[in-house]
């Protein structure tokens, strides 16, 4: 009897760990669900909330009414996102837009996408971009905000792969990392090697699966070839307590994929804590 009681207690602790894990989704995906299912944004957001998602990654240009819906439904502020094309020069207007959004809406973390290298780049163009990024990053850091960059799935990006990110982080030391699983696979880097390499800098995670190396298709989490269980286990076992954000842009069945994805993530988290009943007998 005591063994069964102990098993029940451990199971309860396991389920609690699953419930506490912070799982978010892109607000863009909620908008896609509303379009595909022909329902309102609020109805789509409610369906996502009912699945167990507790946060949303949102663009700083999100419509105020939709942002209010997320607030009313209790979505937490997992991450704000802004595109600032530093390859076009100083971007004061976009920087101010991002800062204003953070201050007015209570977000403290920003994913900054720094633009794409032009086909005929000028001399020392990356160094100029890094300098602009460093100035803005340092400013926000001093104000108490965190600025992150992700491994972006375009070879023209200054943060495309491990090698380019190493250069960017060396030039902008206070910038942290959004680890995108599918983008490392896309660029040809080993996902687990990149995870280990950048582990101490990772502050946010985009769980993105891929159907094949070099493929832009992003299926539901756990249905592609990215080692998602291994990624989640490695992160959580090394003390990561941040958000796991589900991403599958381009999905033709976003509602279904969102359900499959969060089911996989919850199961992956649970498997780290779930006690083996036979071992308790």
Protein backbone atom coordinates (compact mmCIF):
# COMPACT_ATOMS: atom_id res chain seq x y z
CA UNK A 1 0.00 0.00 0.00
CA UNK A 2 2.78 2.42 0.91
CA UNK A 3 4.46 1.82 -2.46
CA UNK A 4 1.26 2.70 -4.27
CA UNK A 5 0.89 5.87 -2.21
CA UNK A 6 4.48 6.82 -3.03
CA UNK A 7 3.82 6.13 -6.71
CA UNK A 8 0.73 8.36 -6.62
CA UNK A 9 2.69 11.15 -4.98
CA UNK A 10 5.47 10.93 -7.58
CA UNK A 11 2.90 10.87 -10.38
CA UNK A 12 1.27 14.00 -8.98
CA UNK A 13 4.66 15.71 -8.87
CA UNK A 14 5.28 14.65 -12.46
CA UNK A 15 1.98 16.05 -13.70
CA UNK A 16 2.68 19.25 -11.77
CA UNK A 17 5.99 19.62 -13.59
CA UNK A 18 4.16 19.30 -16.91
CA UNK A 19 1.61 21.90 -15.85
CA UNK A 20 4.35 24.32 -14.78
CA UNK A 21 6.37 24.05 -17.97
CA UNK A 22 6.00 27.28 -19.91
CA UNK A 23 4.73 26.47 -23.40
CA UNK A 24 3.93 29.24 -25.85
CA UNK A 25 2.94 29.63 -29.49
CA UNK A 26 3.32 32.33 -32.11
CA UNK A 27 0.45 34.81 -32.17
CA UNK A 28 0.69 34.55 -35.96
CA UNK A 29 -0.39 30.91 -35.60
CA UNK A 30 -3.49 31.95 -33.67
CA UNK A 31 -4.34 34.36 -36.48
CA UNK A 32 -3.85 31.55 -39.00
CA UNK A 33 -6.20 29.31 -37.01
CA UNK A 34 -8.85 32.03 -37.05
CA UNK A 35 -8.54 32.30 -40.84
CA UNK A 36 -8.45 28.57 -41.54
CA UNK A 37 -11.30 27.69 -39.17
CA UNK A 38 -13.32 30.79 -40.09
CA UNK A 39 -13.68 31.87 -36.49
CA UNK A 40 -12.77 35.02 -34.60
CA UNK A 41 -9.31 35.69 -33.24
CA UNK A 42 -10.71 35.46 -29.72
CA UNK A 43 -12.26 32.06 -30.42
CA UNK A 44 -8.99 30.82 -31.90
CA UNK A 45 -7.02 32.14 -28.92
CA UNK A 46 -9.43 30.44 -26.52
CA UNK A 47 -8.95 27.10 -28.28
CA UNK A 48 -5.18 27.51 -27.97
CA UNK A 49 -5.48 28.42 -24.30
CA UNK A 50 -7.70 25.40 -23.66
CA UNK A 51 -5.00 23.14 -25.13
CA UNK A 52 -2.60 24.28 -22.42
CA UNK A 53 -0.57 27.03 -24.10
CA UNK A 54 0.10 29.76 -21.55
CA UNK A 55 2.15 32.28 -23.54
CA UNK A 56 2.35 33.90 -26.97
CA UNK A 57 5.27 35.24 -28.99
CA UNK A 58 3.97 38.45 -30.54
CA UNK A 59 5.20 40.96 -33.09
CA UNK A 60 5.52 44.55 -31.92
CA UNK A 61 3.11 45.64 -34.66
CA UNK A 62 0.29 43.41 -33.37
CA UNK A 63 -3.12 45.02 -33.49
CA UNK A 64 -4.00 46.50 -30.09
CA UNK A 65 -7.37 44.74 -30.02
CA UNK A 66 -5.77 41.33 -30.52
CA UNK A 67 -3.18 42.10 -27.88
CA UNK A 68 -6.01 42.95 -25.51
CA UNK A 69 -7.68 39.60 -26.26
CA UNK A 70 -4.48 37.79 -25.30
CA UNK A 71 -4.28 39.79 -22.08
CA UNK A 72 -7.91 39.08 -21.18
CA UNK A 73 -7.43 35.35 -21.74
CA UNK A 74 -4.38 35.35 -19.50
CA UNK A 75 -1.62 34.69 -22.03
CA UNK A 76 1.76 35.49 -20.52
CA UNK A 77 4.41 37.63 -22.21
CA UNK A 78 6.77 34.99 -23.57
CA UNK A 79 8.55 37.16 -26.16
CA UNK A 80 8.13 40.23 -28.35
CA UNK A 81 9.50 40.20 -31.90
CA UNK A 82 10.74 43.00 -34.16
CA UNK A 83 12.39 43.08 -37.59
CA UNK A 84 15.03 45.80 -37.78
CA UNK A 85 16.93 45.81 -41.07
CA UNK A 86 20.30 47.17 -40.03
CA UNK A 87 21.66 46.52 -43.51
CA UNK A 88 19.69 49.57 -44.61
CA UNK A 89 21.46 51.81 -42.13
CA UNK A 90 20.36 53.33 -38.83
CA UNK A 91 16.90 52.17 -37.83
CA UNK A 92 15.85 54.61 -35.14
CA UNK A 93 12.16 54.46 -36.03
CA UNK A 94 11.97 50.67 -35.72
CA UNK A 95 14.05 50.74 -32.55
CA UNK A 96 11.70 53.28 -30.99
CA UNK A 97 8.71 51.20 -32.09
CA UNK A 98 10.14 48.17 -30.34
CA UNK A 99 11.05 50.08 -27.19
CA UNK A 100 7.62 51.69 -27.01
CA UNK A 101 5.95 48.30 -27.33
CA UNK A 102 8.06 46.82 -24.53
CA UNK A 103 7.39 49.73 -22.19
CA UNK A 104 3.68 50.10 -22.87
CA UNK A 105 2.79 46.41 -22.79
CA UNK A 106 4.99 45.06 -20.03
CA UNK A 107 7.28 42.83 -22.09
CA UNK A 108 10.86 42.47 -20.93
CA UNK A 109 12.36 40.34 -23.74
CA UNK A 110 12.77 41.11 -27.41
CA UNK A 111 13.71 38.87 -30.32
CA UNK A 112 15.39 41.13 -32.86
CA UNK A 113 15.72 40.00 -36.49
CA UNK A 114 18.55 42.17 -37.89
CA UNK A 115 17.85 41.93 -41.62
CA UNK A 116 19.47 40.18 -44.58
CA UNK A 117 22.78 40.85 -46.29
CA UNK A 118 22.22 42.42 -49.75
CA UNK A 119 23.29 40.58 -52.92
CA UNK A 120 26.16 43.05 -53.36
CA UNK A 121 27.20 43.92 -49.81
CA UNK A 122 29.37 46.91 -49.17
CA UNK A 123 32.75 46.82 -47.47
CA UNK A 124 32.66 45.75 -43.81
CA UNK A 125 28.86 45.63 -43.95
CA UNK A 126 28.51 43.00 -41.22
CA UNK A 127 30.72 44.98 -38.86
CA UNK A 128 28.46 48.01 -39.35
CA UNK A 129 25.39 45.90 -38.66
CA UNK A 130 26.98 44.45 -35.53
CA UNK A 131 27.83 47.96 -34.31
CA UNK A 132 24.22 49.10 -34.73
CA UNK A 133 22.96 45.98 -33.03
CA UNK A 134 25.41 46.41 -30.15
CA UNK A 135 24.35 50.02 -29.57
CA UNK A 136 20.65 49.16 -29.37
CA UNK A 137 21.23 45.97 -27.39
CA UNK A 138 23.35 47.78 -24.82
CA UNK A 139 20.77 50.55 -24.50
CA UNK A 140 17.97 48.09 -23.80
CA UNK A 141 20.15 46.03 -21.47
CA UNK A 142 20.85 49.14 -19.40
CA UNK A 143 17.10 49.75 -19.23
CA UNK A 144 16.47 46.25 -17.89
CA UNK A 145 15.38 44.57 -21.14
CA UNK A 146 16.88 41.56 -22.84
CA UNK A 147 17.55 41.44 -26.59
CA UNK A 148 17.91 38.09 -28.30
CA UNK A 149 18.71 36.87 -31.82
CA UNK A 150 17.87 33.50 -33.31
CA UNK A 151 19.50 31.25 -35.84
CA UNK A 152 17.57 32.57 -38.85
CA UNK A 153 16.79 30.29 -41.79
CA UNK A 154 18.31 32.33 -44.59
CA UNK A 155 21.99 32.20 -45.68
CA UNK A 156 21.94 35.99 -46.07
CA UNK A 157 21.27 36.45 -42.37
CA UNK A 158 24.15 37.52 -40.10
CA UNK A 159 22.92 34.85 -37.65
CA UNK A 160 22.34 31.94 -40.03
CA UNK A 161 24.44 29.22 -38.41
CA UNK A 162 26.81 28.50 -35.53
CA UNK A 163 29.82 30.14 -37.19
CA UNK A 164 28.00 33.38 -38.01
CA UNK A 165 26.37 33.51 -34.57
CA UNK A 166 29.76 33.14 -32.92
CA UNK A 167 30.91 36.26 -34.77
CA UNK A 168 27.74 38.16 -33.88
CA UNK A 169 27.93 37.27 -30.19
CA UNK A 170 31.60 38.21 -30.07
CA UNK A 171 30.70 41.63 -31.45
CA UNK A 172 27.54 42.05 -29.32
CA UNK A 173 28.39 40.33 -26.02
CA UNK A 174 25.19 41.22 -24.13
CA UNK A 175 22.96 39.77 -26.87
CA UNK A 176 21.42 36.40 -25.94
CA UNK A 177 20.03 33.56 -28.01
CA UNK A 178 16.67 32.23 -29.16
CA UNK A 179 17.49 28.63 -30.04
CA UNK A 180 15.48 27.51 -33.08
CA UNK A 181 15.72 23.74 -33.51
CA UNK A 182 14.54 23.57 -37.11
CA UNK A 183 16.76 26.37 -38.32
CA UNK A 184 19.92 24.64 -37.14
CA UNK A 185 18.88 21.56 -39.07
CA UNK A 186 18.10 23.75 -42.09
CA UNK A 187 21.54 25.36 -42.14
CA UNK A 188 23.28 21.98 -41.90
CA UNK A 189 24.52 22.23 -38.31
CA UNK A 190 23.99 19.40 -35.84
CA UNK A 191 21.14 20.45 -33.56
CA UNK A 192 22.48 18.86 -30.38
CA UNK A 193 26.00 20.16 -30.96
CA UNK A 194 24.64 23.69 -31.43
CA UNK A 195 22.52 23.30 -28.30
CA UNK A 196 25.55 22.37 -26.24
CA UNK A 197 27.67 25.11 -27.83
CA UNK A 198 25.20 27.90 -27.02
CA UNK A 199 23.55 26.46 -23.91
CA UNK A 200 24.63 29.20 -21.51
CA UNK A 201 23.40 31.94 -23.86
CA UNK A 202 19.97 30.40 -24.61
CA UNK A 203 17.11 32.39 -23.07
CA UNK A 204 14.22 31.31 -25.29
CA UNK A 205 13.48 28.30 -27.48
CA UNK A 206 11.55 27.87 -30.72
CA UNK A 207 10.56 24.24 -31.17
CA UNK A 208 10.40 23.82 -34.92
CA UNK A 209 10.43 20.44 -36.65
CA UNK A 210 11.50 19.78 -40.25
CA UNK A 211 10.55 17.09 -42.74
CA UNK A 212 14.07 16.93 -44.19
CA UNK A 213 17.43 18.69 -44.10
CA UNK A 214 17.22 21.86 -46.17
CA UNK A 215 13.41 21.74 -46.16
CA UNK A 216 11.42 24.83 -45.20
CA UNK A 217 8.38 22.74 -44.29
CA UNK A 218 7.60 22.75 -40.57
CA UNK A 219 5.22 19.96 -39.48
CA UNK A 220 3.75 19.42 -36.03
CA UNK A 221 6.39 18.94 -33.33
CA UNK A 222 7.53 15.33 -33.13
CA UNK A 223 6.42 14.39 -36.64
CA UNK A 224 9.62 15.41 -38.43
CA UNK A 225 13.29 14.52 -38.14
CA UNK A 226 14.51 16.98 -35.49
CA UNK A 227 15.42 15.11 -32.24
CA UNK A 228 12.81 17.00 -30.23
CA UNK A 229 12.69 14.64 -27.24
CA UNK A 230 16.47 14.85 -26.95
CA UNK A 231 16.40 18.65 -27.22
CA UNK A 232 13.77 19.03 -24.51
CA UNK A 233 15.45 16.52 -22.22
CA UNK A 234 18.84 18.21 -22.62
CA UNK A 235 17.43 21.67 -21.96
CA UNK A 236 15.40 20.81 -18.89
CA UNK A 237 18.04 18.51 -17.39
CA UNK A 238 20.56 21.36 -17.51
CA UNK A 239 18.29 23.79 -15.68
CA UNK A 240 16.51 25.60 -18.51
CA UNK A 241 13.30 27.07 -17.08
CA UNK A 242 12.31 29.37 -19.94
CA UNK A 243 9.65 29.14 -22.62
CA UNK A 244 9.28 26.38 -25.18
CA UNK A 245 7.57 28.09 -28.09
CA UNK A 246 5.88 25.92 -30.72
CA UNK A 247 6.42 27.01 -34.32
CA UNK A 248 5.10 25.63 -37.61
CA UNK A 249 4.68 28.44 -40.13
CA UNK A 250 3.04 27.35 -43.36
CA UNK A 251 0.82 24.72 -41.75
CA UNK A 252 -2.39 24.06 -43.68
CA UNK A 253 -3.98 22.57 -40.56
CA UNK A 254 -2.70 24.88 -37.83
CA UNK A 255 -5.28 23.97 -35.20
CA UNK A 256 -4.56 20.27 -35.54
CA UNK A 257 -0.79 20.83 -35.60
CA UNK A 258 -0.99 23.01 -32.49
CA UNK A 259 -2.80 20.19 -30.67
CA UNK A 260 -0.32 17.55 -31.81
CA UNK A 261 2.62 19.79 -30.89
CA UNK A 262 1.62 20.58 -27.35
CA UNK A 263 0.69 16.95 -26.75
CA UNK A 264 4.21 15.95 -27.79
CA UNK A 265 5.87 18.63 -25.66
CA UNK A 266 3.84 17.71 -22.57
CA UNK A 267 4.64 14.03 -23.04
CA UNK A 268 8.33 14.83 -23.49
CA UNK A 269 8.38 16.85 -20.26
CA UNK A 270 6.39 14.22 -18.40
CA UNK A 271 8.75 11.44 -19.50
CA UNK A 272 11.57 13.09 -17.57
CA UNK A 273 9.69 12.83 -14.29
CA UNK A 274 7.27 9.94 -14.67
CA UNK A 275 8.12 7.05 -12.31
CA UNK A 276 8.17 3.52 -13.69
CA UNK A 277 5.34 1.64 -11.98
CA UNK A 278 7.04 -1.72 -12.28
CA UNK A 279 10.02 -0.29 -10.43
CA UNK A 280 7.71 0.68 -7.57
CA UNK A 281 6.17 -2.80 -7.19
